[in-house]
Amino acid sequence: MRLDLRTVRFPAVLRAGARLRVRVSFTPSLPGGFTGSLQVITGAANFRVVSLSLTGQCI
């Protein structure tokens, strides 16, 4: 199952084994490195919150 963010509504409920691709972008106004994070809250007992580290470089 593949969901398109142009059509999916949040909160999104996925079946076991399903995937949701999320594209993250930024437009920095100054040169340099940037960091951030994306947190996904799940219904899984052993992974209530999944945190993803994000990095980017503006030239």
C-alpha atoms as a PDB file:
ATOM      1  CA  MET A   1       0.000   0.000   0.000  1.00  0.00           C
ATOM      2  CA  ARG A   2       1.387   3.385  -0.942  1.00  0.00           C
ATOM      3  CA  LEU A   3      -0.255   6.597   0.202  1.00  0.00           C
ATOM      4  CA  ASP A   4       0.233   9.880  -1.586  1.00  0.00           C
ATOM      5  CA  LEU A   5       0.532  12.904   0.710  1.00  0.00           C
ATOM      6  CA  ARG A   6      -1.532  14.918  -1.757  1.00  0.00           C
ATOM      7  CA  THR A   7      -4.512  12.684  -0.975  1.00  0.00           C
ATOM      8  CA  VAL A   8      -3.882  11.346   2.534  1.00  0.00           C
ATOM      9  CA  ARG A   9      -5.501  13.046   5.510  1.00  0.00           C
ATOM     10  CA  PHE A  10      -3.901  13.127   8.947  1.00  0.00           C
ATOM     11  CA  PRO A  11      -3.964  11.422  11.304  1.00  0.00           C
ATOM     12  CA  ALA A  12      -3.279   8.510   8.935  1.00  0.00           C
ATOM     13  CA  VAL A  13      -4.120   4.977  10.044  1.00  0.00           C
ATOM     14  CA  LEU A  14      -2.051   2.267   8.362  1.00  0.00           C
ATOM     15  CA  ARG A  15      -2.571  -1.463   8.285  1.00  0.00           C
ATOM     16  CA  ALA A  16       0.229  -3.703   9.569  1.00  0.00           C
ATOM     17  CA  GLY A  17       2.992  -3.815   6.950  1.00  0.00           C
ATOM     18  CA  ALA A  18       1.757  -0.702   5.127  1.00  0.00           C
ATOM     19  CA  ARG A  19       4.052   2.225   4.321  1.00  0.00           C
ATOM     20  CA  LEU A  20       3.642   5.969   4.293  1.00  0.00           C
ATOM     21  CA  ARG A  21       6.319   8.013   2.553  1.00  0.00           C
ATOM     22  CA  VAL A  22       6.828  11.517   3.859  1.00  0.00           C
ATOM     23  CA  ARG A  23       8.869  14.055   1.918  1.00  0.00           C
ATOM     24  CA  VAL A  24      10.452  16.709   4.102  1.00  0.00           C
ATOM     25  CA  SER A  25      11.971  19.823   2.556  1.00  0.00           C
ATOM     26  CA  PHE A  26      13.238  23.157   3.764  1.00  0.00           C
ATOM     27  CA  THR A  27      14.299  26.451   2.215  1.00  0.00           C
ATOM     28  CA  PRO A  28      16.983  28.037   4.394  1.00  0.00           C
ATOM     29  CA  SER A  29      17.702  31.717   3.919  1.00  0.00           C
ATOM     30  CA  LEU A  30      21.307  31.568   5.157  1.00  0.00           C
ATOM     31  CA  PRO A  31      24.235  29.322   4.192  1.00  0.00           C
ATOM     32  CA  GLY A  32      25.309  26.612   6.607  1.00  0.00           C
ATOM     33  CA  GLY A  33      24.241  23.317   8.092  1.00  0.00           C
ATOM     34  CA  PHE A  34      20.812  22.666   9.508  1.00  0.00           C
ATOM     35  CA  THR A  35      19.387  19.893  11.659  1.00  0.00           C
ATOM     36  CA  GLY A  36      15.908  18.914  12.679  1.00  0.00           C
ATOM     37  CA  SER A  37      13.763  15.936  13.534  1.00  0.00           C
ATOM     38  CA  LEU A  38      10.542  14.288  12.508  1.00  0.00           C
ATOM     39  CA  GLN A  39       8.548  12.401  15.117  1.00  0.00           C
ATOM     40  CA  VAL A  40       5.904   9.837  14.263  1.00  0.00           C
ATOM     41  CA  ILE A  41       3.505   8.648  16.951  1.00  0.00           C
ATOM     42  CA  THR A  42       2.519   5.017  16.534  1.00  0.00           C
ATOM     43  CA  GLY A  43       0.090   2.613  18.116  1.00  0.00           C
ATOM     44  CA  ALA A  44       2.810   0.006  18.648  1.00  0.00           C
ATOM     45  CA  ALA A  45       3.435  -0.827  22.304  1.00  0.00           C
ATOM     46  CA  ASN A  46       7.213  -1.096  21.843  1.00  0.00           C
ATOM     47  CA  PHE A  47       7.636   1.972  19.553  1.00  0.00           C
ATOM     48  CA  ARG A  48       5.179   4.640  20.719  1.00  0.00           C
ATOM     49  CA  VAL A  49       7.238   7.422  19.126  1.00  0.00           C
ATOM     50  CA  VAL A  50       9.698   7.010  16.259  1.00  0.00           C
ATOM     51  CA  SER A  51      12.168   9.899  15.926  1.00  0.00           C
ATOM     52  CA  LEU A  52      14.082  10.549  12.718  1.00  0.00           C
ATOM     53  CA  SER A  53      17.086  12.851  12.652  1.00  0.00           C
ATOM     54  CA  LEU A  54      17.283  15.205   9.667  1.00  0.00           C
ATOM     55  CA  THR A  55      20.283  17.136   8.367  1.00  0.00           C
ATOM     56  CA  GLY A  56      20.791  19.467   5.424  1.00  0.00           C
ATOM     57  CA  GLN A  57      23.351  21.814   3.973  1.00  0.00           C
ATOM     58  CA  CYS A  58      22.697  25.138   2.253  1.00  0.00           C
ATOM     59  CA  ILE A  59      25.488  26.442   0.040  1.00  0.00           C
END
